[in-house]
Amino acid sequence: MTTARRLQYRSLLLALALGAGAFAAQAQYKVVGPDGSVTYTDRAPSPSAGGKVSTVRRDGTVVAAPSAVAQAPLPLELRQAAARFPVTLYTSADCAPCDSARRLLRTRGIPFTERTVSDDADGEALARLSNGRTVPTLTVGAQVLRGYAETEWQSTFDLAGYPRESRLPRDYAPPSPTPLVAKAPDAPPTVVVSPEPRPVAEPPPPAEPAIRF
């Protein structure tokens, strides 16, 4: 690792560590209760409380909390890390580094949401989110990591408080990947009905020849 790369890496880790303290002082969650009431809190809501939970980023952006946190009873240590620093993986098709990234997350037992980048709209959304179009891209809370780098990712998970070994339940099933930008449903095919051919009028019978006297 070069000196410049080492300094950049240390800066990234320091930013994540400092960001954790600053982020804790702000409202981290938006909770919409079953009755429609909206509450902002800095404590991870209990899954048993019901309602829809979203994460509030430091810039005020509200993003849906990963379904991986709510779909199974995770151990407390893992649930707290996933609530404070939700992990999202951005991938594309035919991407070997994306496969390696996905394998690392599953091996370590990181609950994550996967968003796919498959067209220009997805690419533009990824550029706005991460200031680049590199896949894979990983977000850990507000921290953005572009490109697959196992050592860097592992250290980031350590700082975020994720266990070093998988604590996921045996029956845990990760959520299915979804497009980064929701796609409009395909319009039904247009059926063109050809007009029925009009009947061809028969020519009138020839007039009988006039009789002259």
N, C-alpha and C. Protein backbone atom coordinates (compact mmCIF):
# COMPACT_ATOMS: atom_id res chain seq x y z
N MET A 1 0.85 -1.19 0.00
CA MET A 1 0.00 0.00 0.00
C MET A 1 0.88 1.24 0.00
N THR A 2 0.69 2.15 -0.93
CA THR A 2 1.51 3.34 -1.04
C THR A 2 1.19 4.29 0.11
N THR A 3 2.10 5.28 0.32
CA THR A 3 1.90 6.25 1.41
C THR A 3 0.62 7.03 1.22
N ALA A 4 0.37 7.48 -0.03
CA ALA A 4 -0.85 8.26 -0.30
C ALA A 4 -2.10 7.42 -0.04
N ARG A 5 -2.05 6.16 -0.46
CA ARG A 5 -3.19 5.27 -0.25
C ARG A 5 -3.41 5.03 1.24
N ARG A 6 -2.30 4.88 2.01
CA ARG A 6 -2.39 4.64 3.44
C ARG A 6 -3.00 5.84 4.16
N LEU A 7 -2.60 7.05 3.77
CA LEU A 7 -3.15 8.26 4.38
C LEU A 7 -4.64 8.40 4.05
N GLN A 8 -5.00 8.08 2.79
CA GLN A 8 -6.39 8.17 2.40
C GLN A 8 -7.23 7.17 3.19
N TYR A 9 -6.69 6.00 3.38
CA TYR A 9 -7.40 4.95 4.12
C TYR A 9 -7.58 5.34 5.58
N ARG A 10 -6.51 5.91 6.22
CA ARG A 10 -6.63 6.35 7.61
C ARG A 10 -7.65 7.47 7.74
N SER A 11 -7.68 8.37 6.76
CA SER A 11 -8.64 9.46 6.79
C SER A 11 -10.07 8.92 6.71
N LEU A 12 -10.25 7.89 5.89
CA LEU A 12 -11.58 7.28 5.76
C LEU A 12 -12.02 6.68 7.09
N LEU A 13 -11.13 5.96 7.75
CA LEU A 13 -11.48 5.34 9.02
C LEU A 13 -11.76 6.38 10.09
N LEU A 14 -10.97 7.46 10.08
CA LEU A 14 -11.17 8.52 11.06
C LEU A 14 -12.50 9.21 10.82
N ALA A 15 -12.85 9.39 9.56
CA ALA A 15 -14.12 10.04 9.23
C ALA A 15 -15.29 9.22 9.72
N LEU A 16 -15.18 7.90 9.57
CA LEU A 16 -16.26 7.03 10.03
C LEU A 16 -16.37 7.07 11.55
N ALA A 17 -15.22 7.06 12.25
CA ALA A 17 -15.23 7.07 13.71
C ALA A 17 -15.81 8.38 14.24
N LEU A 18 -15.39 9.51 13.65
CA LEU A 18 -15.91 10.81 14.07
C LEU A 18 -17.37 10.96 13.70
N GLY A 19 -17.72 10.43 12.52
CA GLY A 19 -19.10 10.54 12.08
C GLY A 19 -20.06 9.79 12.98
N ALA A 20 -19.57 8.72 13.59
CA ALA A 20 -20.43 7.94 14.48
C ALA A 20 -20.88 8.78 15.66
N GLY A 21 -19.93 9.58 16.23
CA GLY A 21 -20.29 10.42 17.37
C GLY A 21 -21.23 11.53 16.98
N ALA A 22 -20.97 12.18 15.84
CA ALA A 22 -21.82 13.28 15.41
C ALA A 22 -23.20 12.79 15.02
N PHE A 23 -23.23 11.64 14.40
CA PHE A 23 -24.50 11.10 13.92
C PHE A 23 -25.40 10.71 15.08
N ALA A 24 -24.78 10.26 16.19
CA ALA A 24 -25.56 9.83 17.33
C ALA A 24 -26.30 10.99 17.99
N ALA A 25 -25.81 12.24 17.77
CA ALA A 25 -26.43 13.40 18.39
C ALA A 25 -27.63 13.90 17.60
N GLN A 26 -27.90 13.31 16.46
CA GLN A 26 -29.00 13.75 15.62
C GLN A 26 -30.07 12.66 15.56
N ALA A 27 -31.25 13.05 15.06
CA ALA A 27 -32.30 12.06 14.86
C ALA A 27 -31.87 11.12 13.75
N GLN A 28 -31.80 9.83 14.06
CA GLN A 28 -31.32 8.85 13.10
C GLN A 28 -32.46 8.08 12.44
N TYR A 29 -33.65 8.13 13.01
CA TYR A 29 -34.74 7.30 12.51
C TYR A 29 -36.03 8.10 12.39
N LYS A 30 -36.76 7.79 11.35
CA LYS A 30 -38.12 8.32 11.16
C LYS A 30 -39.06 7.13 11.28
N VAL A 31 -39.98 7.20 12.22
CA VAL A 31 -40.89 6.08 12.48
C VAL A 31 -42.31 6.54 12.19
N VAL A 32 -42.95 5.85 11.25
CA VAL A 32 -44.36 6.09 10.96
C VAL A 32 -45.16 4.98 11.63
N GLY A 33 -45.93 5.35 12.65
CA GLY A 33 -46.66 4.37 13.42
C GLY A 33 -47.86 3.80 12.68
N PRO A 34 -48.45 2.74 13.21
CA PRO A 34 -49.63 2.13 12.57
C PRO A 34 -50.78 3.11 12.41
N ASP A 35 -50.84 4.14 13.29
CA ASP A 35 -51.92 5.13 13.21
C ASP A 35 -51.56 6.31 12.32
N GLY A 36 -50.37 6.26 11.66
CA GLY A 36 -49.96 7.34 10.77
C GLY A 36 -49.13 8.42 11.43
N SER A 37 -48.94 8.34 12.74
CA SER A 37 -48.14 9.35 13.43
C SER A 37 -46.67 9.21 13.06
N VAL A 38 -45.95 10.34 12.98
CA VAL A 38 -44.54 10.36 12.58
C VAL A 38 -43.70 10.79 13.78
N THR A 39 -42.65 10.02 14.07
CA THR A 39 -41.76 10.31 15.18
C THR A 39 -40.32 10.23 14.71
N TYR A 40 -39.49 11.18 15.16
CA TYR A 40 -38.06 11.15 14.88
C TYR A 40 -37.33 10.84 16.19
N THR A 41 -36.39 9.90 16.13
CA THR A 41 -35.69 9.47 17.33
C THR A 41 -34.26 9.11 16.99
N ASP A 42 -33.38 9.14 18.03
CA ASP A 42 -32.00 8.73 17.83
C ASP A 42 -31.74 7.34 18.40
N ARG A 43 -32.80 6.64 18.79
CA ARG A 43 -32.68 5.28 19.31
C ARG A 43 -33.30 4.29 18.34
N ALA A 44 -32.64 3.17 18.18
CA ALA A 44 -33.14 2.16 17.24
C ALA A 44 -34.47 1.62 17.72
N PRO A 45 -35.55 1.77 16.91
CA PRO A 45 -36.85 1.25 17.33
C PRO A 45 -36.84 -0.27 17.41
N SER A 46 -37.62 -0.79 18.32
CA SER A 46 -37.74 -2.24 18.43
C SER A 46 -38.60 -2.78 17.30
N PRO A 47 -38.18 -3.88 16.65
CA PRO A 47 -39.00 -4.45 15.58
C PRO A 47 -40.41 -4.81 16.03
N SER A 48 -40.58 -5.11 17.35
CA SER A 48 -41.89 -5.49 17.86
C SER A 48 -42.82 -4.30 18.01
N ALA A 49 -42.27 -3.08 17.88
CA ALA A 49 -43.11 -1.89 18.06
C ALA A 49 -44.02 -1.66 16.88
N GLY A 50 -43.72 -2.25 15.74
CA GLY A 50 -44.53 -2.07 14.55
C GLY A 50 -44.24 -0.74 13.89
N GLY A 51 -44.91 -0.48 12.78
CA GLY A 51 -44.70 0.76 12.06
C GLY A 51 -43.60 0.64 11.03
N LYS A 52 -43.47 1.68 10.22
CA LYS A 52 -42.47 1.73 9.16
C LYS A 52 -41.29 2.58 9.62
N VAL A 53 -40.09 2.03 9.57
CA VAL A 53 -38.89 2.72 10.05
C VAL A 53 -38.01 3.10 8.88
N SER A 54 -37.56 4.36 8.84
CA SER A 54 -36.63 4.84 7.82
C SER A 54 -35.42 5.45 8.52
N THR A 55 -34.29 5.42 7.83
CA THR A 55 -33.07 6.01 8.37
C THR A 55 -32.91 7.44 7.87
N VAL A 56 -32.53 8.35 8.77
CA VAL A 56 -32.28 9.74 8.40
C VAL A 56 -30.78 9.94 8.33
N ARG A 57 -30.26 10.26 7.14
CA ARG A 57 -28.83 10.50 6.98
C ARG A 57 -28.46 11.86 7.56
N ARG A 58 -27.16 12.11 7.69
CA ARG A 58 -26.69 13.37 8.27
C ARG A 58 -27.06 14.57 7.42
N ASP A 59 -27.25 14.37 6.11
CA ASP A 59 -27.65 15.50 5.25
C ASP A 59 -29.16 15.68 5.21
N GLY A 60 -29.89 14.92 6.04
CA GLY A 60 -31.33 15.07 6.09
C GLY A 60 -32.08 14.14 5.16
N THR A 61 -31.37 13.39 4.33
CA THR A 61 -32.02 12.47 3.40
C THR A 61 -32.63 11.30 4.16
N VAL A 62 -33.86 10.97 3.85
CA VAL A 62 -34.55 9.84 4.49
C VAL A 62 -34.50 8.66 3.54
N VAL A 63 -33.94 7.55 4.00
CA VAL A 63 -33.86 6.35 3.18
C VAL A 63 -34.53 5.21 3.92
N ALA A 64 -35.10 4.30 3.18
CA ALA A 64 -35.79 3.17 3.80
C ALA A 64 -34.80 2.31 4.55
N ALA A 65 -35.15 1.93 5.75
CA ALA A 65 -34.29 1.04 6.52
C ALA A 65 -34.24 -0.31 5.85
N PRO A 66 -33.07 -0.98 5.82
CA PRO A 66 -32.97 -2.27 5.13
C PRO A 66 -33.91 -3.30 5.72
N SER A 67 -34.63 -3.98 4.85
CA SER A 67 -35.57 -4.98 5.33
C SER A 67 -34.87 -6.12 6.05
N ALA A 68 -33.55 -6.28 5.82
CA ALA A 68 -32.82 -7.37 6.49
C ALA A 68 -32.85 -7.20 7.99
N VAL A 69 -32.98 -5.92 8.51
CA VAL A 69 -32.95 -5.70 9.94
C VAL A 69 -34.25 -6.19 10.58
N ALA A 70 -35.38 -6.04 9.87
CA ALA A 70 -36.67 -6.30 10.47
C ALA A 70 -37.21 -7.69 10.18
N GLN A 71 -36.66 -8.39 9.23
CA GLN A 71 -37.30 -9.62 8.81
C GLN A 71 -36.96 -10.81 9.70
N ALA A 72 -35.93 -10.71 10.52
CA ALA A 72 -35.57 -11.83 11.38
C ALA A 72 -35.07 -11.29 12.71
N PRO A 73 -35.25 -12.04 13.82
CA PRO A 73 -34.76 -11.59 15.12
C PRO A 73 -33.24 -11.73 15.19
N LEU A 74 -32.53 -10.67 14.91
CA LEU A 74 -31.07 -10.71 14.92
C LEU A 74 -30.55 -10.55 16.35
N PRO A 75 -29.36 -11.07 16.63
CA PRO A 75 -28.73 -10.85 17.94
C PRO A 75 -28.58 -9.36 18.21
N LEU A 76 -28.60 -8.96 19.48
CA LEU A 76 -28.60 -7.55 19.85
C LEU A 76 -27.42 -6.80 19.25
N GLU A 77 -26.21 -7.36 19.36
CA GLU A 77 -25.02 -6.67 18.85
C GLU A 77 -25.14 -6.40 17.35
N LEU A 78 -25.61 -7.38 16.62
CA LEU A 78 -25.75 -7.24 15.17
C LEU A 78 -26.90 -6.29 14.83
N ARG A 79 -27.99 -6.37 15.58
CA ARG A 79 -29.14 -5.51 15.33
C ARG A 79 -28.79 -4.04 15.57
N GLN A 80 -28.03 -3.76 16.60
CA GLN A 80 -27.64 -2.38 16.89
C GLN A 80 -26.74 -1.82 15.80
N ALA A 81 -25.76 -2.63 15.35
CA ALA A 81 -24.86 -2.16 14.29
C ALA A 81 -25.63 -1.93 13.00
N ALA A 82 -26.56 -2.82 12.67
CA ALA A 82 -27.32 -2.69 11.43
C ALA A 82 -28.26 -1.50 11.48
N ALA A 83 -28.76 -1.17 12.68
CA ALA A 83 -29.66 -0.03 12.81
C ALA A 83 -28.89 1.29 12.73
N ARG A 84 -27.69 1.36 13.32
CA ARG A 84 -26.91 2.60 13.31
C ARG A 84 -26.19 2.81 11.99
N PHE A 85 -25.68 1.72 11.42
CA PHE A 85 -24.90 1.81 10.18
C PHE A 85 -25.42 0.79 9.17
N PRO A 86 -26.60 1.03 8.59
CA PRO A 86 -27.14 0.08 7.60
C PRO A 86 -26.21 -0.03 6.40
N VAL A 87 -26.11 -1.24 5.88
CA VAL A 87 -25.19 -1.53 4.77
C VAL A 87 -25.99 -1.73 3.50
N THR A 88 -25.59 -1.03 2.44
CA THR A 88 -26.21 -1.20 1.13
C THR A 88 -25.11 -1.45 0.10
N LEU A 89 -25.31 -2.47 -0.72
CA LEU A 89 -24.36 -2.84 -1.76
C LEU A 89 -24.97 -2.51 -3.12
N TYR A 90 -24.21 -1.79 -3.95
CA TYR A 90 -24.66 -1.41 -5.29
C TYR A 90 -23.87 -2.23 -6.31
N THR A 91 -24.58 -2.99 -7.13
CA THR A 91 -23.93 -3.94 -8.04
C THR A 91 -24.50 -3.81 -9.45
N SER A 92 -23.88 -4.54 -10.36
CA SER A 92 -24.40 -4.64 -11.72
C SER A 92 -24.19 -6.07 -12.20
N ALA A 93 -24.79 -6.41 -13.32
CA ALA A 93 -24.67 -7.75 -13.86
C ALA A 93 -23.28 -7.98 -14.45
N ASP A 94 -22.85 -9.24 -14.50
CA ASP A 94 -21.56 -9.63 -15.08
C ASP A 94 -20.42 -8.82 -14.47
N CYS A 95 -20.39 -8.78 -13.14
CA CYS A 95 -19.39 -7.99 -12.40
C CYS A 95 -18.73 -8.91 -11.38
N ALA A 96 -17.51 -9.39 -11.70
CA ALA A 96 -16.81 -10.30 -10.80
C ALA A 96 -16.51 -9.67 -9.44
N PRO A 97 -16.05 -8.39 -9.37
CA PRO A 97 -15.84 -7.78 -8.05
C PRO A 97 -17.14 -7.70 -7.24
N CYS A 98 -18.28 -7.53 -7.92
CA CYS A 98 -19.56 -7.51 -7.20
C CYS A 98 -19.83 -8.86 -6.56
N ASP A 99 -19.49 -9.93 -7.27
CA ASP A 99 -19.67 -11.28 -6.71
C ASP A 99 -18.79 -11.46 -5.47
N SER A 100 -17.55 -10.96 -5.54
CA SER A 100 -16.64 -11.06 -4.39
C SER A 100 -17.17 -10.26 -3.21
N ALA A 101 -17.70 -9.08 -3.49
CA ALA A 101 -18.24 -8.23 -2.43
C ALA A 101 -19.43 -8.90 -1.75
N ARG A 102 -20.32 -9.46 -2.55
CA ARG A 102 -21.49 -10.14 -2.01
C ARG A 102 -21.07 -11.34 -1.15
N ARG A 103 -20.06 -12.07 -1.62
CA ARG A 103 -19.58 -13.24 -0.89
C ARG A 103 -18.97 -12.83 0.46
N LEU A 104 -18.24 -11.71 0.48
CA LEU A 104 -17.65 -11.23 1.73
C LEU A 104 -18.73 -10.88 2.75
N LEU A 105 -19.75 -10.16 2.31
CA LEU A 105 -20.82 -9.76 3.22
C LEU A 105 -21.54 -10.98 3.80
N ARG A 106 -21.77 -11.97 2.96
CA ARG A 106 -22.49 -13.15 3.44
C ARG A 106 -21.61 -13.98 4.36
N THR A 107 -20.32 -14.07 4.05
CA THR A 107 -19.42 -14.86 4.89
C THR A 107 -19.27 -14.24 6.27
N ARG A 108 -19.16 -12.92 6.32
CA ARG A 108 -19.01 -12.26 7.62
C ARG A 108 -20.34 -12.14 8.34
N GLY A 109 -21.44 -12.31 7.64
CA GLY A 109 -22.74 -12.24 8.28
C GLY A 109 -23.26 -10.82 8.42
N ILE A 110 -23.05 -10.00 7.38
CA ILE A 110 -23.51 -8.61 7.40
C ILE A 110 -24.90 -8.56 6.75
N PRO A 111 -25.94 -8.15 7.47
CA PRO A 111 -27.24 -7.97 6.81
C PRO A 111 -27.17 -6.74 5.91
N PHE A 112 -27.53 -6.90 4.66
CA PHE A 112 -27.38 -5.78 3.74
C PHE A 112 -28.51 -5.77 2.73
N THR A 113 -28.68 -4.61 2.12
CA THR A 113 -29.63 -4.43 1.04
C THR A 113 -28.84 -4.29 -0.25
N GLU A 114 -29.26 -4.98 -1.30
CA GLU A 114 -28.56 -4.90 -2.59
C GLU A 114 -29.41 -4.14 -3.59
N ARG A 115 -28.80 -3.12 -4.21
CA ARG A 115 -29.46 -2.34 -5.25
C ARG A 115 -28.68 -2.52 -6.54
N THR A 116 -29.40 -2.76 -7.62
CA THR A 116 -28.76 -3.05 -8.90
C THR A 116 -28.72 -1.81 -9.79
N VAL A 117 -27.64 -1.71 -10.56
CA VAL A 117 -27.45 -0.61 -11.50
C VAL A 117 -27.44 -1.23 -12.89
N SER A 118 -28.49 -0.94 -13.68
CA SER A 118 -28.63 -1.62 -14.97
C SER A 118 -28.87 -0.69 -16.14
N ASP A 119 -29.13 0.59 -15.88
CA ASP A 119 -29.36 1.51 -17.00
C ASP A 119 -28.87 2.90 -16.63
N ASP A 120 -29.07 3.86 -17.55
CA ASP A 120 -28.57 5.22 -17.33
C ASP A 120 -29.20 5.87 -16.11
N ALA A 121 -30.49 5.62 -15.88
CA ALA A 121 -31.15 6.22 -14.72
C ALA A 121 -30.52 5.72 -13.42
N ASP A 122 -30.22 4.42 -13.37
CA ASP A 122 -29.54 3.87 -12.18
C ASP A 122 -28.15 4.47 -12.04
N GLY A 123 -27.41 4.59 -13.17
CA GLY A 123 -26.07 5.14 -13.11
C GLY A 123 -26.06 6.58 -12.62
N GLU A 124 -27.02 7.38 -13.06
CA GLU A 124 -27.09 8.77 -12.61
C GLU A 124 -27.42 8.84 -11.12
N ALA A 125 -28.30 7.96 -10.67
CA ALA A 125 -28.64 7.94 -9.24
C ALA A 125 -27.43 7.53 -8.40
N LEU A 126 -26.66 6.56 -8.89
CA LEU A 126 -25.46 6.14 -8.17
C LEU A 126 -24.43 7.27 -8.13
N ALA A 127 -24.31 8.01 -9.23
CA ALA A 127 -23.37 9.14 -9.27
C ALA A 127 -23.76 10.20 -8.26
N ARG A 128 -25.04 10.49 -8.12
CA ARG A 128 -25.48 11.47 -7.13
C ARG A 128 -25.23 10.99 -5.71
N LEU A 129 -25.37 9.69 -5.51
CA LEU A 129 -25.22 9.13 -4.18
C LEU A 129 -23.76 9.03 -3.75
N SER A 130 -22.89 8.61 -4.70
CA SER A 130 -21.51 8.28 -4.32
C SER A 130 -20.47 9.12 -5.03
N ASN A 131 -20.92 10.08 -5.87
CA ASN A 131 -19.98 10.90 -6.63
C ASN A 131 -19.15 10.05 -7.59
N GLY A 132 -19.73 8.99 -8.11
CA GLY A 132 -19.04 8.12 -9.06
C GLY A 132 -19.99 7.05 -9.56
N ARG A 133 -19.54 6.31 -10.55
CA ARG A 133 -20.37 5.22 -11.11
C ARG A 133 -19.69 3.88 -10.96
N THR A 134 -18.82 3.73 -9.99
CA THR A 134 -18.08 2.49 -9.79
C THR A 134 -18.96 1.45 -9.14
N VAL A 135 -18.87 0.22 -9.64
CA VAL A 135 -19.51 -0.91 -8.97
C VAL A 135 -18.43 -1.98 -8.74
N PRO A 136 -18.45 -2.62 -7.58
CA PRO A 136 -19.44 -2.37 -6.54
C PRO A 136 -19.14 -1.09 -5.75
N THR A 137 -20.20 -0.50 -5.22
CA THR A 137 -20.09 0.58 -4.25
C THR A 137 -20.81 0.12 -3.00
N LEU A 138 -20.25 0.47 -1.85
CA LEU A 138 -20.82 0.05 -0.58
C LEU A 138 -21.05 1.29 0.28
N THR A 139 -22.21 1.36 0.91
CA THR A 139 -22.43 2.39 1.92
C THR A 139 -22.63 1.72 3.27
N VAL A 140 -21.92 2.24 4.26
CA VAL A 140 -22.04 1.79 5.64
C VAL A 140 -22.47 3.01 6.44
N GLY A 141 -23.76 3.12 6.71
CA GLY A 141 -24.27 4.37 7.26
C GLY A 141 -24.10 5.46 6.21
N ALA A 142 -23.42 6.55 6.60
CA ALA A 142 -23.17 7.65 5.67
C ALA A 142 -21.84 7.50 4.94
N GLN A 143 -21.07 6.47 5.28
CA GLN A 143 -19.76 6.26 4.66
C GLN A 143 -19.90 5.56 3.31
N VAL A 144 -19.24 6.09 2.29
CA VAL A 144 -19.31 5.53 0.94
C VAL A 144 -17.95 4.94 0.57
N LEU A 145 -17.95 3.68 0.15
CA LEU A 145 -16.73 3.00 -0.28
C LEU A 145 -16.91 2.58 -1.74
N ARG A 146 -16.08 3.13 -2.62
CA ARG A 146 -16.19 2.81 -4.06
C ARG A 146 -15.13 1.79 -4.43
N GLY A 147 -15.57 0.73 -5.09
CA GLY A 147 -14.64 -0.32 -5.50
C GLY A 147 -14.44 -1.33 -4.39
N TYR A 148 -14.22 -2.58 -4.79
CA TYR A 148 -14.07 -3.65 -3.80
C TYR A 148 -12.64 -3.69 -3.28
N ALA A 149 -12.50 -3.53 -1.97
CA ALA A 149 -11.20 -3.62 -1.29
C ALA A 149 -11.46 -4.33 0.04
N GLU A 150 -11.16 -5.60 0.11
CA GLU A 150 -11.57 -6.41 1.26
C GLU A 150 -11.03 -5.85 2.57
N THR A 151 -9.74 -5.51 2.62
CA THR A 151 -9.16 -5.03 3.88
C THR A 151 -9.85 -3.76 4.35
N GLU A 152 -10.08 -2.84 3.44
CA GLU A 152 -10.74 -1.59 3.79
C GLU A 152 -12.17 -1.83 4.26
N TRP A 153 -12.87 -2.71 3.56
CA TRP A 153 -14.25 -2.99 3.95
C TRP A 153 -14.31 -3.66 5.33
N GLN A 154 -13.42 -4.61 5.58
CA GLN A 154 -13.42 -5.31 6.87
C GLN A 154 -13.18 -4.33 8.01
N SER A 155 -12.22 -3.39 7.81
CA SER A 155 -11.93 -2.41 8.86
C SER A 155 -13.11 -1.49 9.09
N THR A 156 -13.81 -1.15 8.03
CA THR A 156 -14.99 -0.29 8.17
C THR A 156 -16.08 -1.01 8.97
N PHE A 157 -16.26 -2.30 8.70
CA PHE A 157 -17.24 -3.08 9.47
C PHE A 157 -16.84 -3.14 10.95
N ASP A 158 -15.55 -3.28 11.21
CA ASP A 158 -15.07 -3.30 12.60
C ASP A 158 -15.43 -2.00 13.31
N LEU A 159 -15.16 -0.86 12.65
CA LEU A 159 -15.44 0.43 13.27
C LEU A 159 -16.93 0.65 13.46
N ALA A 160 -17.74 0.08 12.58
CA ALA A 160 -19.20 0.22 12.69
C ALA A 160 -19.79 -0.69 13.76
N GLY A 161 -18.97 -1.60 14.31
CA GLY A 161 -19.45 -2.45 15.39
C GLY A 161 -20.03 -3.78 14.96
N TYR A 162 -19.79 -4.18 13.70
CA TYR A 162 -20.30 -5.48 13.26
C TYR A 162 -19.41 -6.60 13.80
N PRO A 163 -20.01 -7.72 14.24
CA PRO A 163 -19.21 -8.84 14.75
C PRO A 163 -18.25 -9.34 13.68
N ARG A 164 -17.12 -9.85 14.14
CA ARG A 164 -16.11 -10.36 13.20
C ARG A 164 -16.56 -11.66 12.54
N GLU A 165 -17.40 -12.44 13.23
CA GLU A 165 -17.91 -13.68 12.68
C GLU A 165 -19.42 -13.60 12.56
N SER A 166 -19.96 -14.37 11.64
CA SER A 166 -21.39 -14.31 11.35
C SER A 166 -22.22 -14.68 12.59
N ARG A 167 -23.19 -13.82 12.88
CA ARG A 167 -24.16 -14.08 13.95
C ARG A 167 -25.58 -14.18 13.39
N LEU A 168 -25.67 -14.29 12.08
CA LEU A 168 -26.99 -14.37 11.47
C LEU A 168 -27.68 -15.68 11.83
N PRO A 169 -28.99 -15.66 12.03
CA PRO A 169 -29.72 -16.92 12.29
C PRO A 169 -29.57 -17.87 11.11
N ARG A 170 -29.67 -19.14 11.39
CA ARG A 170 -29.50 -20.14 10.34
C ARG A 170 -30.57 -20.02 9.26
N ASP A 171 -31.77 -19.59 9.65
CA ASP A 171 -32.83 -19.48 8.67
C ASP A 171 -32.92 -18.09 8.04
N TYR A 172 -31.90 -17.28 8.23
CA TYR A 172 -31.92 -15.92 7.68
C TYR A 172 -31.88 -15.97 6.15
N ALA A 173 -32.73 -15.20 5.53
CA ALA A 173 -32.77 -15.11 4.06
C ALA A 173 -32.60 -13.64 3.67
N PRO A 174 -31.54 -13.30 2.94
CA PRO A 174 -31.34 -11.89 2.55
C PRO A 174 -32.43 -11.43 1.61
N PRO A 175 -32.76 -10.14 1.64
CA PRO A 175 -33.78 -9.63 0.72
C PRO A 175 -33.29 -9.69 -0.72
N SER A 176 -34.21 -9.80 -1.63
CA SER A 176 -33.85 -9.88 -3.05
C SER A 176 -33.33 -8.53 -3.54
N PRO A 177 -32.37 -8.53 -4.48
CA PRO A 177 -31.89 -7.26 -5.04
C PRO A 177 -33.02 -6.50 -5.73
N THR A 178 -32.96 -5.19 -5.64
CA THR A 178 -33.96 -4.34 -6.29
C THR A 178 -33.24 -3.25 -7.09
N PRO A 179 -33.85 -2.76 -8.17
CA PRO A 179 -33.21 -1.69 -8.96
C PRO A 179 -33.01 -0.44 -8.11
N LEU A 180 -31.93 0.28 -8.40
CA LEU A 180 -31.66 1.51 -7.66
C LEU A 180 -32.77 2.53 -7.90
N VAL A 181 -33.25 2.61 -9.14
CA VAL A 181 -34.36 3.49 -9.48
C VAL A 181 -35.56 2.62 -9.84
N ALA A 182 -36.67 2.86 -9.17
CA ALA A 182 -37.87 2.07 -9.44
C ALA A 182 -38.29 2.24 -10.89
N LYS A 183 -38.57 1.13 -11.52
CA LYS A 183 -38.95 1.15 -12.93
C LYS A 183 -40.47 1.20 -13.07
N ALA A 184 -40.93 2.02 -14.01
CA ALA A 184 -42.35 2.10 -14.29
C ALA A 184 -42.80 0.80 -14.94
N PRO A 185 -43.98 0.32 -14.62
CA PRO A 185 -44.45 -0.92 -15.25
C PRO A 185 -44.59 -0.75 -16.74
N ASP A 186 -44.31 -1.81 -17.47
CA ASP A 186 -44.42 -1.77 -18.93
C ASP A 186 -45.87 -1.53 -19.34
N ALA A 187 -46.03 -0.66 -20.30
CA ALA A 187 -47.38 -0.39 -20.81
C ALA A 187 -47.88 -1.61 -21.57
N PRO A 188 -49.16 -1.91 -21.46
CA PRO A 188 -49.69 -3.06 -22.20
C PRO A 188 -49.54 -2.83 -23.69
N PRO A 189 -49.31 -3.89 -24.44
CA PRO A 189 -49.13 -3.73 -25.89
C PRO A 189 -50.39 -3.17 -26.54
N THR A 190 -50.16 -2.32 -27.49
CA THR A 190 -51.28 -1.71 -28.22
C THR A 190 -51.80 -2.70 -29.26
N VAL A 191 -53.09 -2.93 -29.20
CA VAL A 191 -53.72 -3.84 -30.15
C VAL A 191 -54.36 -3.01 -31.25
N VAL A 192 -53.92 -3.23 -32.45
CA VAL A 192 -54.47 -2.50 -33.59
C VAL A 192 -55.51 -3.38 -34.26
N VAL A 193 -56.72 -2.88 -34.30
CA VAL A 193 -57.81 -3.64 -34.93
C VAL A 193 -58.03 -3.09 -36.34
N SER A 194 -57.81 -3.94 -37.29
CA SER A 194 -58.00 -3.51 -38.68
C SER A 194 -59.49 -3.40 -38.98
N PRO A 195 -59.90 -2.32 -39.63
CA PRO A 195 -61.33 -2.19 -39.96
C PRO A 195 -61.76 -3.26 -40.95
N GLU A 196 -62.98 -3.69 -40.77
CA GLU A 196 -63.50 -4.70 -41.68
C GLU A 196 -63.63 -4.10 -43.09
N PRO A 197 -63.25 -4.86 -44.09
CA PRO A 197 -63.36 -4.32 -45.46
C PRO A 197 -64.82 -4.05 -45.82
N ARG A 198 -64.99 -2.91 -46.42
CA ARG A 198 -66.35 -2.57 -46.84
C ARG A 198 -66.76 -3.44 -48.04
N PRO A 199 -68.02 -3.82 -48.11
CA PRO A 199 -68.46 -4.62 -49.27
C PRO A 199 -68.39 -3.79 -50.55
N VAL A 200 -67.94 -4.43 -51.58
CA VAL A 200 -67.83 -3.75 -52.87
C VAL A 200 -69.19 -3.75 -53.54
N ALA A 201 -69.66 -2.55 -53.87
CA ALA A 201 -70.98 -2.43 -54.51
C ALA A 201 -70.94 -3.04 -55.90
N GLU A 202 -71.94 -3.87 -56.18
CA GLU A 202 -72.00 -4.47 -57.50
C GLU A 202 -72.40 -3.42 -58.53
N PRO A 203 -71.80 -3.47 -59.70
CA PRO A 203 -72.18 -2.48 -60.73
C PRO A 203 -73.63 -2.70 -61.18
N PRO A 204 -74.30 -1.61 -61.47
CA PRO A 204 -75.72 -1.76 -61.89
C PRO A 204 -75.81 -2.55 -63.19
N PRO A 205 -76.90 -3.26 -63.43
CA PRO A 205 -77.05 -4.04 -64.68
C PRO A 205 -77.09 -3.08 -65.87
N PRO A 206 -76.62 -3.55 -67.00
CA PRO A 206 -76.63 -2.67 -68.17
C PRO A 206 -78.06 -2.34 -68.61
N ALA A 207 -78.22 -1.12 -68.99
CA ALA A 207 -79.57 -0.68 -69.41
C ALA A 207 -79.97 -1.39 -70.70
N GLU A 208 -81.27 -1.72 -70.77
CA GLU A 208 -81.76 -2.38 -71.98
C GLU A 208 -81.74 -1.38 -73.14
N PRO A 209 -81.41 -1.85 -74.34
CA PRO A 209 -81.36 -0.91 -75.45
C PRO A 209 -82.74 -0.32 -75.77
N ALA A 210 -82.74 0.92 -75.98
CA ALA A 210 -84.00 1.59 -76.30
C ALA A 210 -84.55 1.13 -77.65
N ILE A 211 -85.87 1.02 -77.78
CA ILE A 211 -86.52 0.60 -79.02
C ILE A 211 -87.06 1.83 -79.71
N ARG A 212 -86.65 2.02 -80.92
CA ARG A 212 -87.12 3.17 -81.71
C ARG A 212 -88.07 2.71 -82.82
N PHE A 213 -89.07 3.51 -83.03
CA PHE A 213 -90.03 3.22 -84.12
C PHE A 213 -89.84 4.23 -85.22
